[in-house]
């Protein structure tokens, strides 16, 4: 009897998973597929993109510039090829931020680099200070 119940459950699970897979496949949203990423020199960045990156860097040091060639898939299935420029900037306290701009100088995003390790270290430092006070 346990085999029949197990078989029935597997049948139901596989049925739901196939519906979920078909639903995800039928949606035609914008999909970004990254093709090429390479490190480039500052003069290789288009002037409009340089201006926007400099404006958002706020005087911080640019430590790396990357170029990514991507393909944007639209709702109608068209493929639009474009380039994105990623500039890594570092603040005075070592905080790293990535400024992402397209080839026409349009700001796409500004992302802070993950600080999970730093936060863990800070929590550990607080714990050790608390332990010292208790002793």
Foldseek 3Di string as FASTA:
>chain_A
DVVVVVVVVVVVVVVVVVVVVVVVVPQQAKDKDWDDKDWDDPVVQAPLQNVLCVVVLVPFDFDTKMKIWIWIQHSVRDTDIFIKIWTWTADPVGWIKIWIATNNNHTDDIGTDDCVVVVVVVVVVVVVVVVVVVD
